[in-house]
Structures are given as C-alpha cells and as structure tokens.
Protein backbone atom coordinates (compact mmCIF):
# COMPACT_ATOMS: atom_id res chain seq x y z
CA MET A 1 -15.89 64.25 65.57
CA LYS A 2 -17.23 62.76 62.38
CA ASN A 3 -18.84 59.35 62.83
CA LYS A 4 -18.31 56.55 60.31
CA TRP A 5 -21.64 54.90 60.97
CA LEU A 6 -25.27 55.40 60.17
CA ILE A 7 -28.41 54.35 62.02
CA ALA A 8 -30.27 52.57 59.24
CA PHE A 9 -33.13 51.04 61.17
CA PHE A 10 -34.48 51.58 64.66
CA ALA A 11 -37.63 49.69 65.64
CA VAL A 12 -39.35 49.51 69.01
CA ILE A 13 -42.12 47.12 70.02
CA LEU A 14 -43.79 48.43 73.17
CA LEU A 15 -45.61 46.65 75.98
CA LEU A 16 -47.68 49.50 77.38
CA THR A 17 -48.63 49.67 81.03
CA GLY A 18 -52.34 49.27 81.73
CA CYS A 19 -53.65 49.30 78.17
CA ALA A 20 -56.17 47.39 76.12
CA GLY A 21 -55.54 45.21 73.08
CA PRO A 22 -54.41 46.53 69.68
CA LEU A 23 -56.94 48.25 67.48
CA LYS A 24 -58.32 46.28 64.57
CA LYS A 25 -57.97 47.79 61.12
CA PRO A 26 -61.36 48.78 59.70
CA SER A 27 -62.62 46.66 56.81
CA ILE A 28 -64.30 49.67 55.18
CA SER A 29 -62.86 52.67 53.39
CA CYS A 30 -63.52 56.17 54.69
CA PRO A 31 -63.55 59.45 52.75
CA GLY A 32 -61.06 61.30 54.94
CA LYS A 33 -61.02 65.07 55.46
CA LYS A 34 -61.96 67.59 52.79
CA THR A 35 -59.29 70.22 53.49
CA ALA A 36 -55.86 70.52 55.06
CA ASP A 37 -57.32 72.69 57.81
CA GLU A 38 -59.79 69.94 58.76
CA ALA A 39 -57.02 67.33 58.81
CA ILE A 40 -54.76 69.52 60.95
CA ALA A 41 -57.59 70.24 63.38
CA ALA A 42 -58.22 66.50 63.81
CA LEU A 43 -54.53 65.77 64.51
CA ASN A 44 -54.26 68.68 66.92
CA ALA A 45 -57.31 67.33 68.77
CA ASN A 46 -55.54 63.96 69.12
CA ARG A 47 -52.40 65.71 70.42
CA GLN A 48 -54.45 67.40 73.15
CA LYS A 49 -55.46 63.94 74.45
CA TYR A 50 -51.84 62.88 75.05
CA VAL A 51 -51.35 61.51 78.58
CA PRO A 52 -48.21 60.33 80.42
CA VAL A 53 -47.11 56.89 79.24
CA ARG A 54 -44.77 54.33 80.79
CA ALA A 55 -43.79 51.31 78.70
CA THR A 56 -41.28 48.53 78.26
CA GLY A 57 -40.41 46.93 74.97
CA GLN A 58 -37.85 45.44 72.63
CA CYS A 59 -35.71 47.43 70.21
CA LEU A 60 -33.88 46.35 67.07
CA LEU A 61 -31.05 48.68 66.03
CA ARG A 62 -29.27 48.20 62.71
CA TYR A 63 -26.31 50.32 61.71
CA GLN A 64 -23.52 50.37 59.14
CA GLN A 65 -19.87 50.69 60.04
CA ASP A 66 -16.95 50.47 57.61
CA GLY A 67 -19.22 48.95 54.97
CA SER A 68 -20.64 46.20 57.21
CA GLU A 69 -24.09 45.99 58.76
CA HIS A 70 -24.41 45.26 62.47
CA LYS A 71 -27.44 44.49 64.63
CA GLU A 72 -28.30 45.03 68.27
CA ASN A 73 -31.49 43.65 69.83
CA PHE A 74 -32.13 44.85 73.36
CA PRO A 75 -34.87 45.73 75.91
CA VAL A 76 -35.96 49.33 76.41
CA LYS A 77 -37.88 51.35 78.97
CA ILE A 78 -39.80 54.46 77.97
CA TRP A 79 -41.42 57.28 79.94
CA THR A 80 -43.29 60.14 78.25
CA SER A 81 -44.97 63.15 79.83
CA PRO A 82 -46.76 65.67 77.64
CA PRO A 83 -46.03 67.94 76.01
CA GLU A 84 -42.20 67.90 75.92
CA GLU A 85 -40.71 65.21 78.17
CA ILE A 86 -39.49 61.84 76.87
CA TYR A 87 -36.96 59.42 78.31
CA LEU A 88 -35.92 56.16 76.63
CA GLN A 89 -33.31 53.83 78.14
CA GLY A 90 -31.92 50.77 76.37
CA ASP A 91 -29.82 47.91 77.78
CA VAL A 92 -27.21 47.61 75.01
CA ALA A 93 -24.28 45.19 75.31
CA PHE A 94 -25.09 44.48 78.99
CA ASP A 95 -25.04 48.19 79.84
CA ALA A 96 -28.40 49.23 81.34
CA THR A 97 -27.89 52.75 79.96
CA GLY A 98 -26.17 51.77 76.73
CA LEU A 99 -28.69 53.86 74.81
CA VAL A 100 -30.37 56.94 76.26
CA LEU A 101 -32.69 59.37 74.50
CA GLY A 102 -34.33 62.28 76.27
CA THR A 103 -36.10 65.59 75.80
CA ASN A 104 -37.50 68.21 78.14
CA LYS A 105 -38.84 71.72 77.71
CA ASP A 106 -35.40 73.22 77.01
CA GLU A 107 -33.02 70.45 75.92
CA PHE A 108 -32.63 67.19 74.01
CA TRP A 109 -29.92 64.52 74.30
CA PHE A 110 -29.05 61.16 72.81
CA TRP A 111 -26.13 58.82 73.42
CA LEU A 112 -24.92 55.36 72.50
CA LYS A 113 -22.19 53.91 74.72
CA PRO A 114 -20.95 50.75 72.92
CA LYS A 115 -17.45 51.65 71.74
CA GLU A 116 -18.10 50.56 68.14
CA ILE A 117 -20.77 53.25 67.75
CA SER A 118 -20.08 55.50 70.73
CA SER A 119 -21.75 58.85 70.07
CA TYR A 120 -23.35 61.67 72.01
CA TRP A 121 -25.53 64.63 71.01
CA TRP A 122 -26.94 67.34 73.25
CA GLY A 123 -28.48 70.70 72.53
CA LYS A 124 -30.93 73.45 73.34
CA TRP A 125 -34.22 73.46 71.47
CA SER A 126 -33.78 77.17 70.87
CA GLN A 127 -30.47 76.49 69.10
CA ALA A 128 -31.45 73.34 67.19
CA GLY A 129 -31.84 75.05 63.81
CA ASP A 130 -32.81 73.01 60.77
CA PHE A 131 -33.46 69.39 61.68
CA GLN A 132 -31.52 68.06 58.67
CA LYS A 133 -28.32 69.47 60.20
CA LEU A 134 -28.70 67.19 63.22
CA PRO A 135 -28.07 63.41 63.40
CA LEU A 136 -31.20 63.22 65.55
CA SER A 137 -33.85 65.92 65.76
CA PRO A 138 -35.80 66.90 68.90
CA GLU A 139 -38.88 67.16 66.68
CA VAL A 140 -38.44 63.56 65.50
CA CYS A 141 -38.01 62.38 69.12
CA LEU A 142 -41.32 63.87 70.18
CA GLU A 143 -43.31 62.94 67.10
CA ALA A 144 -42.03 59.36 67.19
CA PHE A 145 -43.94 58.90 70.45
CA GLY A 146 -47.23 60.31 69.26
CA ALA A 147 -46.91 64.05 69.92
CA VAL A 148 -47.28 65.02 66.26
CA ASN A 149 -46.56 68.72 65.74
CA MET A 150 -49.04 70.35 63.37
CA ALA A 151 -47.67 73.88 63.66
CA THR A 152 -48.86 76.57 61.29
CA GLY A 153 -47.28 76.55 57.86
CA ASP A 154 -47.86 75.93 54.19
CA TRP A 155 -49.80 72.64 54.43
CA SER A 156 -51.64 70.95 51.56
CA LEU A 157 -53.75 67.77 51.48
CA THR A 158 -53.97 64.94 48.96
CA HIS A 159 -56.13 61.81 49.04
CA GLY A 160 -55.65 58.13 48.26
CA GLN A 161 -55.16 55.10 50.47
CA PHE A 162 -54.23 57.70 53.12
CA ASP A 163 -54.92 61.35 53.70
CA ILE A 164 -51.47 62.89 53.13
CA LEU A 165 -50.50 66.27 54.51
CA TRP A 166 -47.57 68.03 52.82
CA LEU A 167 -45.59 70.81 54.52
CA HIS A 168 -43.46 73.21 52.45
CA ASN A 169 -41.16 75.94 53.77
CA GLU A 170 -41.08 79.58 52.66
CA GLN A 171 -38.83 78.64 49.74
CA GLY A 172 -41.39 76.09 48.52
CA GLU A 173 -39.22 73.11 49.52
CA LEU A 174 -40.89 69.98 50.88
CA VAL A 175 -40.13 69.63 54.60
CA LYS A 176 -42.50 66.96 55.94
CA ARG A 177 -45.15 64.50 54.75
CA VAL A 178 -47.72 62.98 57.15
CA TYR A 179 -49.72 59.84 56.20
CA ILE A 180 -53.02 59.48 58.07
CA GLU A 181 -55.42 56.52 58.25
CA THR A 182 -58.72 57.94 57.01
CA CYS A 183 -61.11 55.99 59.26
CA ASP A 184 -59.54 56.39 62.72
CA TYR A 185 -57.47 59.42 61.70
CA LEU A 186 -54.32 58.14 63.34
CA VAL A 187 -50.89 58.85 61.87
CA ALA A 188 -49.37 55.88 60.01
CA LYS A 189 -46.09 57.45 58.88
CA ILE A 190 -44.14 60.70 58.89
CA GLU A 191 -41.38 61.46 56.39
CA TYR A 192 -38.87 64.28 56.88
CA PHE A 193 -37.00 65.72 53.89
CA ASP A 194 -33.54 67.26 53.64
CA SER A 195 -32.67 70.38 51.64
CA SER A 196 -32.10 68.30 48.49
CA GLY A 197 -35.67 66.96 48.57
CA GLN A 198 -34.67 63.44 49.66
CA ILE A 199 -36.20 61.54 52.59
CA ALA A 200 -33.81 61.99 55.52
CA VAL A 201 -35.88 60.28 58.25
CA SER A 202 -38.99 58.10 58.12
CA VAL A 203 -41.02 57.22 61.23
CA GLY A 204 -43.69 54.49 61.04
CA PHE A 205 -46.54 53.94 63.53
CA SER A 206 -48.79 50.89 63.87
CA ASP A 207 -50.77 48.73 66.31
CA TYR A 208 -52.23 51.61 68.31
CA LYS A 209 -53.42 50.83 71.85
CA LYS A 210 -55.60 52.68 74.30
CA VAL A 211 -53.77 54.05 77.33
CA ALA A 212 -56.65 56.28 78.43
CA ASP A 213 -60.32 56.64 77.57
CA ALA A 214 -59.63 58.86 74.58
CA PHE A 215 -55.87 58.54 73.95
CA LEU A 216 -54.27 56.03 71.58
CA PHE A 217 -50.54 55.28 71.51
CA PRO A 218 -48.62 53.33 68.82
CA HIS A 219 -47.49 49.88 69.93
CA ARG A 220 -44.91 49.58 67.15
CA LEU A 221 -42.48 52.31 66.10
CA LYS A 222 -40.03 52.09 63.22
C-alpha cells in the first residue's frame, strides 16, 4: 500500500541510565586524520567499545499528510545491545506501543499505529537490498544509535571544520557522507544519498555522554 505521508523530522532527546554529564566542545581546533584509512580505523575502534545501553527520552515526530504538517511529541524507551540489537518503543496517542522500531541479527521492523499514519515495515537483512528502496533502512537504525558501519569500500577523506568521509559505490555514485569532529573523533552527522545523488536521509548526533569508561553515546539524535 502506498502511503501519502512522509516522516520529515524525527528527533530523540535521551536520558541515559547511569551516565555522566554531556561532553564539552573543545575550544581548540585539531588537525584530524591524514588519510581515509586512519579515519576509518579510528571510527572502527569506537564501534568496538559499544556497550549495551538502556535509555528513556522524548521524541518529536513531524510528518506531512495531504499537504499539511502534523506533530507528535511523546516519551520513548530505548534498549540497544551490540552489535545488532535495538528496540525503541514510543507512547504515541496514549498507546504505549504506538511506535516500535527494532533490529536483531536477522530482521528489522518498524511500525506506527496511529490511524492517520498507520504503517508497518518488516524484512530480513539478507533481503534488504539498496537502502534507498526502503522507507526505513536497517543500516540507518543501527547507525543512528552509534554503531557506525565503516565497511570496506571506496572511501575518500576531505578536511575542513570536520573530517568528512565519502563513500562511493562501484558505479562511482555517492552513497554516504560521514562528518567527524576532529578533536574527539566522534561522528556529528551521517548523510545517505539516493540513486539520483540527492540526500535521502540525514542523521545528526550531539551531546555525547559516557555510558562506560571508554564508550560515548549521543544524547541527542535527529
């Protein structure tokens, strides 16, 4: 069934269990990494530190339907267990499971129950295909909660306010762009591109908090 709505904005502010205060942005500039391989190695090292996380928070969902914008603001609960398991539950329109997002080793699923935007997606990772064909990608689900996938591929690195990693496919088309803070080397934003070269999904990360001695988790997701 073709839906007549679009998720335009989805933001989560998390209250993490047993964590310290937010990190302060450094007041100095840092040179960043010299090569794409160095940058990828640093992000992969961060991924290896991922620990199970349980959190509560507040979510703002904006969507368009029949030319009008609508808003839902509701509490959420989140559980993550590396490397593949995520479960997010949102109390939308007085339904404790009005929004559910989940992934495990083999499957991913996402549903919204309110009748105005009622939708459901489920699939096998092995059958997911190109992410731009899906309303919601399993890769985006995982990376949105800090498990950034730096798989092998045609990566290049540019410098500026951020270190920016660019991923192209075998046809030379831009697939993904990762913005990295150069001092702490934490991901600030990931952009995913469709086959026409336009940004299909953008995920923003900020206000990282410590949830273990060496693991940092974003407090704000957009």
